[in-house]
Amino acid sequence: MQVVKELLRKIISYGKWRTIFALILIAASLYYGWQWVWGALFLLWTFRAWRSQSVYVVETLTRGDNPFLFWITIILWATLSLYLILADLIMKLGGVPHVYS
């Protein structure tokens, strides 16, 4: 237990603990098949892009220079995040009932 406490103390003091936490969470999501992690990340990226008024997909798009592409990206990311979070939640609650069964 002392080793874990020391490791956590070292990670937090490193200064980039959020990135380390996100990478560990991504690895866990790949192992366990969690979709909600990706939804949460897309939601985080959506809010950050909306606040900074610039988004990076393959190249940097700013709201002032490319408003159409900026808003399409924001809408796509927000929709994708909701889909990924709700898909996991619905499956945890028993899935969608089959109409033809």
N, C-alpha and C. Protein backbone atom coordinates (compact mmCIF):
# COMPACT_ATOMS: atom_id res chain seq x y z
N MET A 1 0.82 -1.20 0.00
CA MET A 1 0.00 0.00 0.00
C MET A 1 0.86 1.26 0.00
N GLN A 2 1.98 1.19 0.68
CA GLN A 2 2.90 2.32 0.72
C GLN A 2 3.44 2.63 -0.67
N VAL A 3 3.67 1.59 -1.45
CA VAL A 3 4.19 1.78 -2.81
C VAL A 3 3.17 2.53 -3.66
N VAL A 4 1.90 2.18 -3.51
CA VAL A 4 0.84 2.85 -4.27
C VAL A 4 0.74 4.32 -3.86
N LYS A 5 0.80 4.59 -2.56
CA LYS A 5 0.74 5.97 -2.09
C LYS A 5 1.91 6.79 -2.63
N GLU A 6 3.09 6.19 -2.62
CA GLU A 6 4.28 6.89 -3.13
C GLU A 6 4.16 7.14 -4.63
N LEU A 7 3.64 6.16 -5.36
CA LEU A 7 3.45 6.33 -6.80
C LEU A 7 2.45 7.44 -7.09
N LEU A 8 1.34 7.46 -6.36
CA LEU A 8 0.34 8.52 -6.54
C LEU A 8 0.91 9.89 -6.20
N ARG A 9 1.68 9.97 -5.13
CA ARG A 9 2.31 11.24 -4.75
C ARG A 9 3.25 11.73 -5.84
N LYS A 10 3.99 10.79 -6.44
CA LYS A 10 4.94 11.15 -7.49
C LYS A 10 4.20 11.62 -8.75
N ILE A 11 3.12 10.92 -9.10
CA ILE A 11 2.34 11.30 -10.29
C ILE A 11 1.73 12.69 -10.12
N ILE A 12 1.14 12.95 -8.95
CA ILE A 12 0.51 14.25 -8.71
C ILE A 12 1.54 15.37 -8.70
N SER A 13 2.71 15.10 -8.15
CA SER A 13 3.74 16.14 -8.11
C SER A 13 4.36 16.38 -9.49
N TYR A 14 4.19 15.44 -10.41
CA TYR A 14 4.74 15.58 -11.75
C TYR A 14 4.15 16.76 -12.48
N GLY A 15 2.90 17.09 -12.22
CA GLY A 15 2.28 18.25 -12.84
C GLY A 15 1.36 17.91 -14.00
N LYS A 16 1.55 16.78 -14.62
CA LYS A 16 0.71 16.36 -15.75
C LYS A 16 -0.13 15.14 -15.35
N TRP A 17 -0.63 15.17 -14.12
CA TRP A 17 -1.36 14.02 -13.61
C TRP A 17 -2.66 13.77 -14.36
N ARG A 18 -3.27 14.82 -14.92
CA ARG A 18 -4.52 14.63 -15.68
C ARG A 18 -4.26 13.80 -16.93
N THR A 19 -3.15 14.09 -17.60
CA THR A 19 -2.80 13.34 -18.80
C THR A 19 -2.49 11.89 -18.46
N ILE A 20 -1.74 11.68 -17.39
CA ILE A 20 -1.41 10.32 -16.96
C ILE A 20 -2.69 9.56 -16.60
N PHE A 21 -3.59 10.22 -15.88
CA PHE A 21 -4.86 9.60 -15.52
C PHE A 21 -5.67 9.24 -16.76
N ALA A 22 -5.71 10.16 -17.74
CA ALA A 22 -6.46 9.91 -18.97
C ALA A 22 -5.87 8.73 -19.74
N LEU A 23 -4.55 8.64 -19.80
CA LEU A 23 -3.91 7.52 -20.51
C LEU A 23 -4.20 6.19 -19.82
N ILE A 24 -4.18 6.18 -18.49
CA ILE A 24 -4.52 4.96 -17.75
C ILE A 24 -5.99 4.59 -18.00
N LEU A 25 -6.86 5.60 -18.01
CA LEU A 25 -8.28 5.37 -18.26
C LEU A 25 -8.52 4.86 -19.68
N ILE A 26 -7.78 5.38 -20.65
CA ILE A 26 -7.89 4.89 -22.03
C ILE A 26 -7.46 3.43 -22.11
N ALA A 27 -6.35 3.10 -21.46
CA ALA A 27 -5.89 1.70 -21.46
C ALA A 27 -6.94 0.79 -20.82
N ALA A 28 -7.53 1.22 -19.71
CA ALA A 28 -8.58 0.43 -19.06
C ALA A 28 -9.80 0.30 -19.96
N SER A 29 -10.14 1.37 -20.68
CA SER A 29 -11.32 1.31 -21.56
C SER A 29 -11.10 0.33 -22.71
N LEU A 30 -9.87 0.25 -23.19
CA LEU A 30 -9.58 -0.72 -24.25
C LEU A 30 -9.66 -2.15 -23.71
N TYR A 31 -9.18 -2.35 -22.51
CA TYR A 31 -9.20 -3.68 -21.90
C TYR A 31 -10.62 -4.14 -21.57
N TYR A 32 -11.41 -3.24 -20.96
CA TYR A 32 -12.75 -3.60 -20.51
C TYR A 32 -13.85 -3.31 -21.54
N GLY A 33 -13.53 -2.65 -22.63
CA GLY A 33 -14.53 -2.34 -23.65
C GLY A 33 -15.47 -1.22 -23.28
N TRP A 34 -14.99 -0.29 -22.47
CA TRP A 34 -15.82 0.85 -22.05
C TRP A 34 -15.89 1.88 -23.15
N GLN A 35 -17.09 2.24 -23.58
CA GLN A 35 -17.28 3.29 -24.57
C GLN A 35 -17.41 4.66 -23.92
N TRP A 36 -17.89 4.71 -22.68
CA TRP A 36 -18.15 5.98 -22.01
C TRP A 36 -16.88 6.80 -21.82
N VAL A 37 -15.73 6.14 -21.73
CA VAL A 37 -14.48 6.88 -21.57
C VAL A 37 -14.23 7.75 -22.79
N TRP A 38 -14.44 7.17 -23.96
CA TRP A 38 -14.26 7.94 -25.20
C TRP A 38 -15.29 9.05 -25.30
N GLY A 39 -16.51 8.77 -24.85
CA GLY A 39 -17.54 9.81 -24.82
C GLY A 39 -17.16 10.96 -23.91
N ALA A 40 -16.61 10.63 -22.75
CA ALA A 40 -16.17 11.68 -21.82
C ALA A 40 -15.01 12.49 -22.40
N LEU A 41 -14.09 11.81 -23.08
CA LEU A 41 -12.97 12.53 -23.70
C LEU A 41 -13.46 13.45 -24.81
N PHE A 42 -14.36 12.96 -25.65
CA PHE A 42 -14.89 13.81 -26.71
C PHE A 42 -15.66 15.00 -26.13
N LEU A 43 -16.36 14.78 -25.03
CA LEU A 43 -17.07 15.88 -24.37
C LEU A 43 -16.09 16.91 -23.83
N LEU A 44 -15.01 16.44 -23.22
CA LEU A 44 -13.97 17.34 -22.74
C LEU A 44 -13.35 18.13 -23.89
N TRP A 45 -13.03 17.44 -24.99
CA TRP A 45 -12.45 18.12 -26.15
C TRP A 45 -13.43 19.12 -26.76
N THR A 46 -14.72 18.79 -26.73
CA THR A 46 -15.73 19.71 -27.26
C THR A 46 -15.77 21.00 -26.44
N PHE A 47 -15.82 20.87 -25.13
CA PHE A 47 -15.87 22.07 -24.28
C PHE A 47 -14.61 22.91 -24.40
N ARG A 48 -13.46 22.25 -24.47
CA ARG A 48 -12.20 23.00 -24.61
C ARG A 48 -12.14 23.73 -25.96
N ALA A 49 -12.58 23.08 -27.01
CA ALA A 49 -12.58 23.71 -28.33
C ALA A 49 -13.56 24.87 -28.37
N TRP A 50 -14.72 24.68 -27.78
CA TRP A 50 -15.73 25.74 -27.76
C TRP A 50 -15.23 26.95 -26.99
N ARG A 51 -14.55 26.71 -25.85
CA ARG A 51 -14.02 27.82 -25.06
C ARG A 51 -12.88 28.54 -25.75
N SER A 52 -11.98 27.78 -26.37
CA SER A 52 -10.80 28.40 -27.01
C SER A 52 -11.10 28.89 -28.42
N GLN A 53 -12.24 28.51 -28.96
CA GLN A 53 -12.67 28.88 -30.31
C GLN A 53 -11.71 28.38 -31.38
N SER A 54 -11.02 27.29 -31.09
CA SER A 54 -10.21 26.62 -32.11
C SER A 54 -10.25 25.12 -31.84
N VAL A 55 -10.20 24.36 -32.91
CA VAL A 55 -10.28 22.92 -32.82
C VAL A 55 -9.21 22.32 -33.73
N TYR A 56 -8.68 21.18 -33.32
CA TYR A 56 -7.67 20.51 -34.14
C TYR A 56 -8.20 19.13 -34.49
N VAL A 57 -8.39 18.89 -35.78
CA VAL A 57 -8.78 17.57 -36.25
C VAL A 57 -7.59 17.00 -37.01
N VAL A 58 -7.36 17.48 -38.20
CA VAL A 58 -6.16 17.15 -38.96
C VAL A 58 -5.30 18.40 -39.09
N GLU A 59 -5.96 19.52 -38.99
CA GLU A 59 -5.30 20.82 -38.97
C GLU A 59 -6.10 21.73 -38.05
N THR A 60 -5.51 22.82 -37.65
CA THR A 60 -6.19 23.74 -36.74
C THR A 60 -7.27 24.52 -37.47
N LEU A 61 -8.46 24.52 -36.89
CA LEU A 61 -9.58 25.29 -37.42
C LEU A 61 -10.00 26.28 -36.35
N THR A 62 -10.11 27.54 -36.71
CA THR A 62 -10.58 28.54 -35.75
C THR A 62 -12.00 28.96 -36.12
N ARG A 63 -12.71 29.40 -35.11
CA ARG A 63 -14.10 29.82 -35.33
C ARG A 63 -14.16 31.04 -36.24
N GLY A 64 -13.19 31.93 -36.13
CA GLY A 64 -13.19 33.13 -36.94
C GLY A 64 -12.85 32.87 -38.40
N ASP A 65 -11.90 31.96 -38.65
CA ASP A 65 -11.46 31.70 -40.03
C ASP A 65 -12.32 30.66 -40.74
N ASN A 66 -12.76 29.64 -40.03
CA ASN A 66 -13.53 28.56 -40.63
C ASN A 66 -14.75 28.24 -39.77
N PRO A 67 -15.73 29.15 -39.71
CA PRO A 67 -16.86 28.93 -38.80
C PRO A 67 -17.68 27.68 -39.12
N PHE A 68 -17.89 27.40 -40.40
CA PHE A 68 -18.70 26.24 -40.76
C PHE A 68 -18.03 24.95 -40.30
N LEU A 69 -16.76 24.76 -40.63
CA LEU A 69 -16.05 23.54 -40.22
C LEU A 69 -15.89 23.46 -38.71
N PHE A 70 -15.69 24.60 -38.08
CA PHE A 70 -15.57 24.63 -36.62
C PHE A 70 -16.85 24.11 -35.98
N TRP A 71 -18.00 24.64 -36.38
CA TRP A 71 -19.26 24.23 -35.77
C TRP A 71 -19.66 22.81 -36.14
N ILE A 72 -19.35 22.38 -37.35
CA ILE A 72 -19.62 20.98 -37.73
C ILE A 72 -18.82 20.04 -36.83
N THR A 73 -17.56 20.38 -36.58
CA THR A 73 -16.72 19.56 -35.71
C THR A 73 -17.26 19.55 -34.28
N ILE A 74 -17.64 20.71 -33.77
CA ILE A 74 -18.19 20.80 -32.41
C ILE A 74 -19.47 19.96 -32.29
N ILE A 75 -20.36 20.08 -33.26
CA ILE A 75 -21.62 19.32 -33.24
C ILE A 75 -21.34 17.83 -33.36
N LEU A 76 -20.42 17.44 -34.23
CA LEU A 76 -20.08 16.03 -34.40
C LEU A 76 -19.49 15.46 -33.11
N TRP A 77 -18.56 16.17 -32.50
CA TRP A 77 -17.96 15.69 -31.26
C TRP A 77 -18.98 15.59 -30.13
N ALA A 78 -19.86 16.58 -30.01
CA ALA A 78 -20.88 16.55 -28.96
C ALA A 78 -21.84 15.38 -29.17
N THR A 79 -22.26 15.17 -30.41
CA THR A 79 -23.16 14.07 -30.73
C THR A 79 -22.49 12.73 -30.47
N LEU A 80 -21.25 12.61 -30.89
CA LEU A 80 -20.51 11.37 -30.67
C LEU A 80 -20.32 11.08 -29.18
N SER A 81 -20.04 12.11 -28.42
CA SER A 81 -19.85 11.90 -26.98
C SER A 81 -21.14 11.44 -26.32
N LEU A 82 -22.26 12.05 -26.67
CA LEU A 82 -23.54 11.62 -26.11
C LEU A 82 -23.88 10.19 -26.52
N TYR A 83 -23.63 9.86 -27.78
CA TYR A 83 -23.89 8.50 -28.26
C TYR A 83 -23.06 7.47 -27.49
N LEU A 84 -21.77 7.74 -27.34
CA LEU A 84 -20.89 6.78 -26.67
C LEU A 84 -21.25 6.61 -25.19
N ILE A 85 -21.59 7.70 -24.54
CA ILE A 85 -21.97 7.61 -23.12
C ILE A 85 -23.31 6.89 -22.97
N LEU A 86 -24.29 7.27 -23.80
CA LEU A 86 -25.62 6.65 -23.70
C LEU A 86 -25.61 5.18 -24.13
N ALA A 87 -24.78 4.83 -25.11
CA ALA A 87 -24.71 3.44 -25.56
C ALA A 87 -24.26 2.53 -24.43
N ASP A 88 -23.24 2.95 -23.69
CA ASP A 88 -22.79 2.16 -22.55
C ASP A 88 -23.84 2.12 -21.45
N LEU A 89 -24.48 3.25 -21.19
CA LEU A 89 -25.49 3.31 -20.13
C LEU A 89 -26.68 2.42 -20.46
N ILE A 90 -27.13 2.46 -21.70
CA ILE A 90 -28.28 1.64 -22.11
C ILE A 90 -27.94 0.16 -22.00
N MET A 91 -26.73 -0.22 -22.39
CA MET A 91 -26.33 -1.62 -22.29
C MET A 91 -26.24 -2.07 -20.83
N LYS A 92 -25.78 -1.19 -19.96
CA LYS A 92 -25.69 -1.52 -18.53
C LYS A 92 -27.08 -1.69 -17.91
N LEU A 93 -28.05 -0.97 -18.46
CA LEU A 93 -29.42 -1.05 -17.93
C LEU A 93 -30.23 -2.18 -18.55
N GLY A 94 -29.61 -3.00 -19.36
CA GLY A 94 -30.31 -4.15 -19.92
C GLY A 94 -30.48 -4.12 -21.41
N GLY A 95 -29.98 -3.10 -22.06
CA GLY A 95 -30.04 -3.03 -23.50
C GLY A 95 -31.38 -2.54 -24.02
N VAL A 96 -31.47 -2.49 -25.31
CA VAL A 96 -32.69 -2.06 -25.99
C VAL A 96 -33.57 -3.29 -26.21
N PRO A 97 -34.85 -3.22 -25.83
CA PRO A 97 -35.72 -4.39 -26.05
C PRO A 97 -35.90 -4.66 -27.54
N HIS A 98 -35.92 -5.94 -27.87
CA HIS A 98 -36.09 -6.34 -29.27
C HIS A 98 -37.57 -6.30 -29.64
N VAL A 99 -37.86 -5.69 -30.76
CA VAL A 99 -39.25 -5.55 -31.20
C VAL A 99 -39.77 -6.86 -31.76
N TYR A 100 -38.91 -7.62 -32.45
CA TYR A 100 -39.35 -8.81 -33.17
C TYR A 100 -39.16 -10.10 -32.38
N SER A 101 -38.96 -10.03 -31.06
CA SER A 101 -38.76 -11.29 -30.35
C SER A 101 -40.01 -11.79 -29.69
